[in-house]
PDB file of N, CA and C in Angstrom:
ATOM      1  N   MET A   1       0.855  -1.172   0.000  1.00  0.00           N
ATOM      2  CA  MET A   1       0.000   0.000   0.000  1.00  0.00           C
ATOM      3  C   MET A   1       0.894   1.226   0.000  1.00  0.00           C
ATOM      4  N   LEU A   2       0.422   2.286  -0.619  1.00  0.00           N
ATOM      5  CA  LEU A   2       1.194   3.522  -0.664  1.00  0.00           C
ATOM      6  C   LEU A   2       0.793   4.438   0.486  1.00  0.00           C
ATOM      7  N   VAL A   3       1.816   4.913   1.199  1.00  0.00           N
ATOM      8  CA  VAL A   3       1.644   5.873   2.283  1.00  0.00           C
ATOM      9  C   VAL A   3       2.640   6.996   2.022  1.00  0.00           C
ATOM     10  N   VAL A   4       2.224   8.223   2.212  1.00  0.00           N
ATOM     11  CA  VAL A   4       3.120   9.357   2.031  1.00  0.00           C
ATOM     12  C   VAL A   4       3.776   9.655   3.378  1.00  0.00           C
ATOM     13  N   VAL A   5       5.096   9.525   3.414  1.00  0.00           N
ATOM     14  CA  VAL A   5       5.862   9.761   4.638  1.00  0.00           C
ATOM     15  C   VAL A   5       6.803  10.929   4.372  1.00  0.00           C
ATOM     16  N   ASN A   6       6.624  11.998   5.117  1.00  0.00           N
ATOM     17  CA  ASN A   6       7.424  13.208   4.929  1.00  0.00           C
ATOM     18  C   ASN A   6       7.485  13.609   3.453  1.00  0.00           C
ATOM     19  N   ARG A   7       6.320  13.605   2.822  1.00  0.00           N
ATOM     20  CA  ARG A   7       6.115  14.042   1.431  1.00  0.00           C
ATOM     21  C   ARG A   7       6.726  13.108   0.389  1.00  0.00           C
ATOM     22  N   ARG A   8       7.099  11.888   0.801  1.00  0.00           N
ATOM     23  CA  ARG A   8       7.610  10.890  -0.145  1.00  0.00           C
ATOM     24  C   ARG A   8       6.732   9.657  -0.078  1.00  0.00           C
ATOM     25  N   GLU A   9       6.387   9.119  -1.232  1.00  0.00           N
ATOM     26  CA  GLU A   9       5.582   7.900  -1.250  1.00  0.00           C
ATOM     27  C   GLU A   9       6.430   6.706  -0.832  1.00  0.00           C
ATOM     28  N   GLU A  10       5.874   5.887   0.046  1.00  0.00           N
ATOM     29  CA  GLU A  10       6.529   4.650   0.461  1.00  0.00           C
ATOM     30  C   GLU A  10       5.541   3.516   0.290  1.00  0.00           C
ATOM     31  N   ASN A  11       6.038   2.402  -0.210  1.00  0.00           N
ATOM     32  CA  ASN A  11       5.218   1.211  -0.364  1.00  0.00           C
ATOM     33  C   ASN A  11       5.395   0.366   0.892  1.00  0.00           C
ATOM     34  N   LEU A  12       4.337   0.236   1.681  1.00  0.00           N
ATOM     35  CA  LEU A  12       4.383  -0.493   2.945  1.00  0.00           C
ATOM     36  C   LEU A  12       3.461  -1.702   2.872  1.00  0.00           C
ATOM     37  N   PRO A  13       3.730  -2.724   3.690  1.00  0.00           N
ATOM     38  CA  PRO A  13       2.848  -3.897   3.717  1.00  0.00           C
ATOM     39  C   PRO A  13       1.452  -3.528   4.217  1.00  0.00           C
ATOM     40  N   GLU A  14       0.441  -4.161   3.639  1.00  0.00           N
ATOM     41  CA  GLU A  14      -0.940  -3.968   4.094  1.00  0.00           C
ATOM     42  C   GLU A  14      -1.045  -4.294   5.581  1.00  0.00           C
ATOM     43  N   GLY A  15      -1.797  -3.482   6.306  1.00  0.00           N
ATOM     44  CA  GLY A  15      -2.049  -3.753   7.716  1.00  0.00           C
ATOM     45  C   GLY A  15      -0.910  -3.402   8.651  1.00  0.00           C
ATOM     46  N   MET A  16       0.113  -2.701   8.161  1.00  0.00           N
ATOM     47  CA  MET A  16       1.244  -2.327   9.014  1.00  0.00           C
ATOM     48  C   MET A  16       0.789  -1.301  10.045  1.00  0.00           C
ATOM     49  N   SER A  17       1.167  -1.531  11.283  1.00  0.00           N
ATOM     50  CA  SER A  17       0.825  -0.566  12.332  1.00  0.00           C
ATOM     51  C   SER A  17       1.865   0.548  12.355  1.00  0.00           C
ATOM     52  N   LEU A  18       1.506   1.639  12.983  1.00  0.00           N
ATOM     53  CA  LEU A  18       2.459   2.731  13.139  1.00  0.00           C
ATOM     54  C   LEU A  18       3.654   2.259  13.953  1.00  0.00           C
ATOM     55  N   ALA A  19       3.420   1.442  14.974  1.00  0.00           N
ATOM     56  CA  ALA A  19       4.517   0.912  15.791  1.00  0.00           C
ATOM     57  C   ALA A  19       5.463   0.060  14.945  1.00  0.00           C
ATOM     58  N   GLU A  20       4.918  -0.764  14.056  1.00  0.00           N
ATOM     59  CA  GLU A  20       5.757  -1.586  13.174  1.00  0.00           C
ATOM     60  C   GLU A  20       6.566  -0.708  12.225  1.00  0.00           C
ATOM     61  N   PHE A  21       5.943   0.343  11.707  1.00  0.00           N
ATOM     62  CA  PHE A  21       6.656   1.270  10.827  1.00  0.00           C
ATOM     63  C   PHE A  21       7.824   1.908  11.573  1.00  0.00           C
ATOM     64  N   ILE A  22       7.553   2.385  12.781  1.00  0.00           N
ATOM     65  CA  ILE A  22       8.595   3.028  13.588  1.00  0.00           C
ATOM     66  C   ILE A  22       9.751   2.054  13.817  1.00  0.00           C
ATOM     67  N   GLY A  23       9.430   0.816  14.183  1.00  0.00           N
ATOM     68  CA  GLY A  23      10.462  -0.193  14.405  1.00  0.00           C
ATOM     69  C   GLY A  23      11.248  -0.513  13.146  1.00  0.00           C
ATOM     70  N   SER A  24      10.570  -0.560  12.003  1.00  0.00           N
ATOM     71  CA  SER A  24      11.247  -0.886  10.744  1.00  0.00           C
ATOM     72  C   SER A  24      12.241   0.186  10.335  1.00  0.00           C
ATOM     73  N   LYS A  25      12.026   1.402  10.807  1.00  0.00           N
ATOM     74  CA  LYS A  25      12.928   2.512  10.489  1.00  0.00           C
ATOM     75  C   LYS A  25      13.987   2.721  11.574  1.00  0.00           C
ATOM     76  N   GLY A  26      13.914   1.935  12.646  1.00  0.00           N
ATOM     77  CA  GLY A  26      14.882   2.066  13.733  1.00  0.00           C
ATOM     78  C   GLY A  26      14.729   3.359  14.520  1.00  0.00           C
ATOM     79  N   LEU A  27      13.515   3.881  14.571  1.00  0.00           N
ATOM     80  CA  LEU A  27      13.261   5.144  15.267  1.00  0.00           C
ATOM     81  C   LEU A  27      12.945   4.890  16.734  1.00  0.00           C
ATOM     82  N   GLU A  28      13.341   5.800  17.574  1.00  0.00           N
ATOM     83  CA  GLU A  28      13.008   5.766  18.999  1.00  0.00           C
ATOM     84  C   GLU A  28      11.798   6.673  19.195  1.00  0.00           C
ATOM     85  N   PRO A  29      10.623   6.101  19.517  1.00  0.00           N
ATOM     86  CA  PRO A  29       9.389   6.902  19.574  1.00  0.00           C
ATOM     87  C   PRO A  29       9.483   8.148  20.444  1.00  0.00           C
ATOM     88  N   GLY A  30      10.230   8.109  21.528  1.00  0.00           N
ATOM     89  CA  GLY A  30      10.328   9.259  22.414  1.00  0.00           C
ATOM     90  C   GLY A  30      11.082  10.434  21.828  1.00  0.00           C
ATOM     91  N   GLU A  31      11.774  10.219  20.712  1.00  0.00           N
ATOM     92  CA  GLU A  31      12.563  11.284  20.095  1.00  0.00           C
ATOM     93  C   GLU A  31      11.851  11.949  18.920  1.00  0.00           C
ATOM     94  N   PHE A  32      10.646  11.476  18.604  1.00  0.00           N
ATOM     95  CA  PHE A  32       9.945  11.966  17.421  1.00  0.00           C
ATOM     96  C   PHE A  32       8.502  12.317  17.743  1.00  0.00           C
ATOM     97  N   ILE A  33       7.951  13.175  16.906  1.00  0.00           N
ATOM     98  CA  ILE A  33       6.527  13.487  16.930  1.00  0.00           C
ATOM     99  C   ILE A  33       5.956  12.916  15.637  1.00  0.00           C
ATOM    100  N   PHE A  34       4.822  12.234  15.739  1.00  0.00           N
ATOM    101  CA  PHE A  34       4.189  11.625  14.577  1.00  0.00           C
ATOM    102  C   PHE A  34       2.860  12.318  14.319  1.00  0.00           C
ATOM    103  N   ILE A  35       2.687  12.774  13.090  1.00  0.00           N
ATOM    104  CA  ILE A  35       1.456  13.439  12.683  1.00  0.00           C
ATOM    105  C   ILE A  35       0.862  12.615  11.548  1.00  0.00           C
ATOM    106  N   LEU A  36      -0.311  12.057  11.780  1.00  0.00           N
ATOM    107  CA  LEU A  36      -0.970  11.209  10.793  1.00  0.00           C
ATOM    108  C   LEU A  36      -2.228  11.908  10.304  1.00  0.00           C
ATOM    109  N   ASN A  37      -2.245  12.207   9.017  1.00  0.00           N
ATOM    110  CA  ASN A  37      -3.399  12.893   8.408  1.00  0.00           C
ATOM    111  C   ASN A  37      -3.772  14.153   9.192  1.00  0.00           C
ATOM    112  N   GLU A  38      -2.750  14.913   9.554  1.00  0.00           N
ATOM    113  CA  GLU A  38      -2.869  16.209  10.225  1.00  0.00           C
ATOM    114  C   GLU A  38      -3.252  16.130  11.699  1.00  0.00           C
ATOM    115  N   PHE A  39      -3.210  14.934  12.293  1.00  0.00           N
ATOM    116  CA  PHE A  39      -3.492  14.777  13.720  1.00  0.00           C
ATOM    117  C   PHE A  39      -2.238  14.289  14.434  1.00  0.00           C
ATOM    118  N   VAL A  40      -1.871  14.962  15.515  1.00  0.00           N
ATOM    119  CA  VAL A  40      -0.723  14.537  16.317  1.00  0.00           C
ATOM    120  C   VAL A  40      -1.095  13.245  17.032  1.00  0.00           C
ATOM    121  N   ILE A  41      -0.208  12.268  16.959  1.00  0.00           N
ATOM    122  CA  ILE A  41      -0.441  10.968  17.576  1.00  0.00           C
ATOM    123  C   ILE A  41       0.232  10.940  18.944  1.00  0.00           C
ATOM    124  N   GLU A  42      -0.547  10.661  19.967  1.00  0.00           N
ATOM    125  CA  GLU A  42      -0.004  10.532  21.319  1.00  0.00           C
ATOM    126  C   GLU A  42       0.814   9.247  21.400  1.00  0.00           C
ATOM    127  N   ARG A  43       1.851   9.270  22.198  1.00  0.00           N
ATOM    128  CA  ARG A  43       2.743   8.115  22.329  1.00  0.00           C
ATOM    129  C   ARG A  43       1.977   6.845  22.690  1.00  0.00           C
ATOM    130  N   GLU A  44       0.944   6.975  23.530  1.00  0.00           N
ATOM    131  CA  GLU A  44       0.171   5.809  23.965  1.00  0.00           C
ATOM    132  C   GLU A  44      -0.645   5.204  22.821  1.00  0.00           C
ATOM    133  N   GLN A  45      -0.896   5.967  21.768  1.00  0.00           N
ATOM    134  CA  GLN A  45      -1.728   5.508  20.652  1.00  0.00           C
ATOM    135  C   GLN A  45      -0.941   4.768  19.577  1.00  0.00           C
ATOM    136  N   VAL A  46       0.369   4.895  19.589  1.00  0.00           N
ATOM    137  CA  VAL A  46       1.203   4.385  18.498  1.00  0.00           C
ATOM    138  C   VAL A  46       0.929   2.913  18.198  1.00  0.00           C
ATOM    139  N   GLY A  47       0.779   2.081  19.212  1.00  0.00           N
ATOM    140  CA  GLY A  47       0.588   0.650  19.008  1.00  0.00           C
ATOM    141  C   GLY A  47      -0.765   0.267  18.448  1.00  0.00           C
ATOM    142  N   SER A  48      -1.745   1.141  18.567  1.00  0.00           N
ATOM    143  CA  SER A  48      -3.105   0.782  18.142  1.00  0.00           C
ATOM    144  C   SER A  48      -3.481   1.339  16.769  1.00  0.00           C
ATOM    145  N   ILE A  49      -2.586   2.080  16.140  1.00  0.00           N
ATOM    146  CA  ILE A  49      -2.913   2.703  14.858  1.00  0.00           C
ATOM    147  C   ILE A  49      -2.415   1.836  13.705  1.00  0.00           C
ATOM    148  N   ILE A  50      -3.323   1.504  12.804  1.00  0.00           N
ATOM    149  CA  ILE A  50      -2.993   0.751  11.600  1.00  0.00           C
ATOM    150  C   ILE A  50      -2.949   1.738  10.435  1.00  0.00           C
ATOM    151  N   LEU A  51      -1.843   1.743   9.717  1.00  0.00           N
ATOM    152  CA  LEU A  51      -1.711   2.628   8.564  1.00  0.00           C
ATOM    153  C   LEU A  51      -2.576   2.113   7.417  1.00  0.00           C
ATOM    154  N   LYS A  52      -3.086   3.055   6.626  1.00  0.00           N
ATOM    155  CA  LYS A  52      -3.978   2.716   5.514  1.00  0.00           C
ATOM    156  C   LYS A  52      -3.479   3.362   4.225  1.00  0.00           C
ATOM    157  N   GLU A  53      -3.931   2.817   3.109  1.00  0.00           N
ATOM    158  CA  GLU A  53      -3.598   3.355   1.789  1.00  0.00           C
ATOM    159  C   GLU A  53      -3.861   4.858   1.759  1.00  0.00           C
ATOM    160  N   ASN A  54      -2.895   5.606   1.224  1.00  0.00           N
ATOM    161  CA  ASN A  54      -2.975   7.061   1.045  1.00  0.00           C
ATOM    162  C   ASN A  54      -2.910   7.857   2.340  1.00  0.00           C
ATOM    163  N   ASP A  55      -2.562   7.222   3.469  1.00  0.00           N
ATOM    164  CA  ASP A  55      -2.323   7.999   4.687  1.00  0.00           C
ATOM    165  C   ASP A  55      -1.152   8.939   4.446  1.00  0.00           C
ATOM    166  N   ARG A  56      -1.151  10.041   5.191  1.00  0.00           N
ATOM    167  CA  ARG A  56      -0.057  11.006   5.131  1.00  0.00           C
ATOM    168  C   ARG A  56       0.544  11.089   6.524  1.00  0.00           C
ATOM    169  N   LEU A  57       1.802  10.683   6.614  1.00  0.00           N
ATOM    170  CA  LEU A  57       2.497  10.634   7.894  1.00  0.00           C
ATOM    171  C   LEU A  57       3.674  11.591   7.870  1.00  0.00           C
ATOM    172  N   GLU A  58       3.744  12.424   8.880  1.00  0.00           N
ATOM    173  CA  GLU A  58       4.902  13.294   9.070  1.00  0.00           C
ATOM    174  C   GLU A  58       5.644  12.802  10.301  1.00  0.00           C
ATOM    175  N   VAL A  59       6.942  12.625  10.160  1.00  0.00           N
ATOM    176  CA  VAL A  59       7.795  12.184  11.261  1.00  0.00           C
ATOM    177  C   VAL A  59       8.762  13.328  11.534  1.00  0.00           C
ATOM    178  N   LEU A  60       8.613  13.938  12.697  1.00  0.00           N
ATOM    179  CA  LEU A  60       9.417  15.108  13.053  1.00  0.00           C
ATOM    180  C   LEU A  60      10.259  14.791  14.276  1.00  0.00           C
ATOM    181  N   ARG A  61      11.542  15.124  14.195  1.00  0.00           N
ATOM    182  CA  ARG A  61      12.427  14.899  15.339  1.00  0.00           C
ATOM    183  C   ARG A  61      12.152  15.959  16.394  1.00  0.00           C
ATOM    184  N   PHE A  62      11.959  15.492  17.620  1.00  0.00           N
ATOM    185  CA  PHE A  62      11.749  16.396  18.746  1.00  0.00           C
ATOM    186  C   PHE A  62      13.103  16.953  19.155  1.00  0.00           C
ATOM    187  N   VAL A  63      13.223  18.272  19.155  1.00  0.00           N
ATOM    188  CA  VAL A  63      14.478  18.916  19.520  1.00  0.00           C
ATOM    189  C   VAL A  63      14.211  19.824  20.703  1.00  0.00           C
ATOM    190  N   GLY A  64      14.957  19.615  21.759  1.00  0.00           N
ATOM    191  CA  GLY A  64      14.838  20.470  22.936  1.00  0.00           C
ATOM    192  C   GLY A  64      16.107  21.292  23.090  1.00  0.00           C
ATOM    193  N   GLY A  65      15.992  22.335  23.770  1.00  0.00           N
ATOM    194  CA  GLY A  65      17.163  23.174  23.977  1.00  0.00           C
ATOM    195  C   GLY A  65      16.950  24.084  25.165  1.00  0.00           C
ATOM    196  N   GLY A  66      17.974  24.786  25.456  1.00  0.00           N
ATOM    197  CA  GLY A  66      17.838  25.672  26.595  1.00  0.00           C
ATOM    198  C   GLY A  66      18.616  26.928  26.419  1.00  0.00           C
TER     199      GLY A  66
END
């Protein structure tokens, strides 16, 4: 299935969860913000979200500073 990730089309397996996607990319969930179809995804929701054809996912690195 095609999913747009950071404005690039990616072909992902049908039924892939957001958690599986994050793991496949080697990302640490606590270091990123995930926006799916213009909605910010809470960390607790990551495991329950199944990606669908034509979803739009933005993966943004959380940067803190002082």
